[in-house]
C-alpha atoms as a PDB file:
ATOM      1  CA  ARG A   1       0.058  -0.075  -0.033  1.00  0.00           C
ATOM      2  CA  ASP A   2       2.567   2.273   0.988  1.00  0.00           C
ATOM      3  CA  ASP A   3       4.342   1.877  -2.580  1.00  0.00           C
ATOM      4  CA  ILE A   4       1.257   2.551  -4.442  1.00  0.00           C
ATOM      5  CA  VAL A   5       0.670   5.937  -2.271  1.00  0.00           C
ATOM      6  CA  GLY A   6       4.313   6.528  -3.108  1.00  0.00           C
ATOM      7  CA  LEU A   7       3.712   5.911  -6.980  1.00  0.00           C
ATOM      8  CA  LEU A   8       0.293   7.950  -7.044  1.00  0.00           C
ATOM      9  CA  ARG A   9       2.338  11.030  -5.127  1.00  0.00           C
ATOM     10  CA  GLY A  10       5.439  10.836  -7.833  1.00  0.00           C
ATOM     11  CA  LEU A  11       2.848  10.857 -10.397  1.00  0.00           C
ATOM     12  CA  ALA A  12       0.993  13.840  -9.049  1.00  0.00           C
ATOM     13  CA  TRP A  13       4.148  15.556  -8.590  1.00  0.00           C
ATOM     14  CA  ARG A  14       5.091  15.039 -12.041  1.00  0.00           C
ATOM     15  CA  GLN A  15       1.805  16.698 -13.467  1.00  0.00           C
ATOM     16  CA  ALA A  16       2.279  19.663 -11.120  1.00  0.00           C
ATOM     17  CA  ALA A  17      -1.098  19.433 -10.287  1.00  0.00           C
ATOM     18  CA  GLU A  18      -3.237  17.560  -7.796  1.00  0.00           C
ATOM     19  CA  PRO A  19      -6.306  16.455  -9.180  1.00  0.00           C
ATOM     20  CA  LEU A  20      -9.435  18.400  -8.833  1.00  0.00           C
ATOM     21  CA  ALA A  21     -11.750  15.208  -7.808  1.00  0.00           C
ATOM     22  CA  ALA A  22     -11.290  11.517  -7.798  1.00  0.00           C
ATOM     23  CA  GLN A  23     -14.354   9.501  -8.303  1.00  0.00           C
ATOM     24  CA  PRO A  24     -14.110   5.716  -7.451  1.00  0.00           C
ATOM     25  CA  ALA A  25     -14.989   3.619 -10.654  1.00  0.00           C
ATOM     26  CA  ARG A  26     -14.521   0.475 -12.383  1.00  0.00           C
ATOM     27  CA  ILE A  27     -11.702   0.842 -15.335  1.00  0.00           C
ATOM     28  CA  ASN A  28     -11.813  -2.151 -17.874  1.00  0.00           C
ATOM     29  CA  GLY A  29     -13.305  -4.407 -15.077  1.00  0.00           C
ATOM     30  CA  TYR A  30     -10.758  -3.326 -12.208  1.00  0.00           C
ATOM     31  CA  PRO A  31     -10.969  -1.162  -9.438  1.00  0.00           C
ATOM     32  CA  GLY A  32      -9.781   2.341  -9.864  1.00  0.00           C
ATOM     33  CA  TYR A  33     -10.433   6.237 -10.148  1.00  0.00           C
ATOM     34  CA  VAL A  34     -11.142   8.747 -12.327  1.00  0.00           C
ATOM     35  CA  LEU A  35      -9.392  11.745 -11.653  1.00  0.00           C
ATOM     36  CA  SER A  36     -10.131  15.247 -12.901  1.00  0.00           C
ATOM     37  CA  PHE A  37      -7.684  17.694 -13.683  1.00  0.00           C
ATOM     38  CA  PRO A  38      -7.627  21.382 -15.006  1.00  0.00           C
ATOM     39  CA  ASP A  39      -6.570  20.006 -18.421  1.00  0.00           C
ATOM     40  CA  GLY A  40      -8.837  17.013 -18.642  1.00  0.00           C
ATOM     41  CA  PRO A  41      -9.415  13.470 -16.886  1.00  0.00           C
ATOM     42  CA  ALA A  42      -7.279  10.459 -16.510  1.00  0.00           C
ATOM     43  CA  THR A  43      -8.087   7.043 -15.017  1.00  0.00           C
ATOM     44  CA  ILE A  44      -6.167   4.620 -12.682  1.00  0.00           C
ATOM     45  CA  ALA A  45      -6.792   1.226 -12.316  1.00  0.00           C
ATOM     46  CA  PHE A  46      -5.656  -1.733  -9.772  1.00  0.00           C
ATOM     47  CA  GLN A  47      -5.125  -5.185 -11.151  1.00  0.00           C
ATOM     48  CA  PRO A  48      -5.075  -7.428  -8.293  1.00  0.00           C
ATOM     49  CA  GLY A  49      -2.214  -9.927  -8.009  1.00  0.00           C
ATOM     50  CA  PRO A  50      -2.745 -13.763  -7.200  1.00  0.00           C
ATOM     51  CA  ASP A  51      -2.157 -13.166  -3.538  1.00  0.00           C
ATOM     52  CA  GLY A  52      -5.207 -10.300  -3.397  1.00  0.00           C
ATOM     53  CA  LEU A  53      -2.729  -7.259  -3.199  1.00  0.00           C
ATOM     54  CA  ILE A  54      -2.185  -5.010  -6.273  1.00  0.00           C
ATOM     55  CA  GLY A  55      -0.449  -6.694  -8.987  1.00  0.00           C
ATOM     56  CA  ALA A  56      -0.355  -4.101 -11.673  1.00  0.00           C
ATOM     57  CA  VAL A  57      -1.346  -0.197 -11.790  1.00  0.00           C
ATOM     58  CA  TYR A  58      -2.696   1.037 -14.901  1.00  0.00           C
ATOM     59  CA  MET A  59      -3.105   4.856 -15.767  1.00  0.00           C
ATOM     60  CA  VAL A  60      -4.162   6.719 -18.809  1.00  0.00           C
ATOM     61  CA  ARG A  61      -3.876  10.406 -19.444  1.00  0.00           C
ATOM     62  CA  ASN A  62      -4.485  10.602 -23.346  1.00  0.00           C
ATOM     63  CA  PRO A  63      -7.448  12.626 -24.162  1.00  0.00           C
ATOM     64  CA  GLU A  64      -8.150  11.104 -27.188  1.00  0.00           C
ATOM     65  CA  LYS A  65      -8.735   7.702 -25.363  1.00  0.00           C
ATOM     66  CA  LEU A  66     -10.657   9.573 -22.613  1.00  0.00           C
ATOM     67  CA  THR A  67     -13.207  11.569 -24.738  1.00  0.00           C
ATOM     68  CA  HIS A  68     -15.924   9.472 -23.333  1.00  0.00           C
ATOM     69  CA  ILE A  69     -15.170  10.755 -19.733  1.00  0.00           C
ATOM     70  CA  GLN A  70     -16.238  14.084 -18.090  1.00  0.00           C
ATOM     71  CA  GLY A  71     -13.654  15.686 -16.344  1.00  0.00           C
END
């Protein structure tokens, strides 16, 4: 859990902006969030591993792939 929080903080630092909002959502069947930034949305999904912990993290920030999301 601490590693994931550190990853998310690092990503936010690189964006130079905190998300304006974070809405829980299912992203391609995985638990995740839709994040709203001033310049558009982003999605982050957490794929469970075989041990029940987070096995992978997927983030999409490409506006062309997120046209269906209001953010």
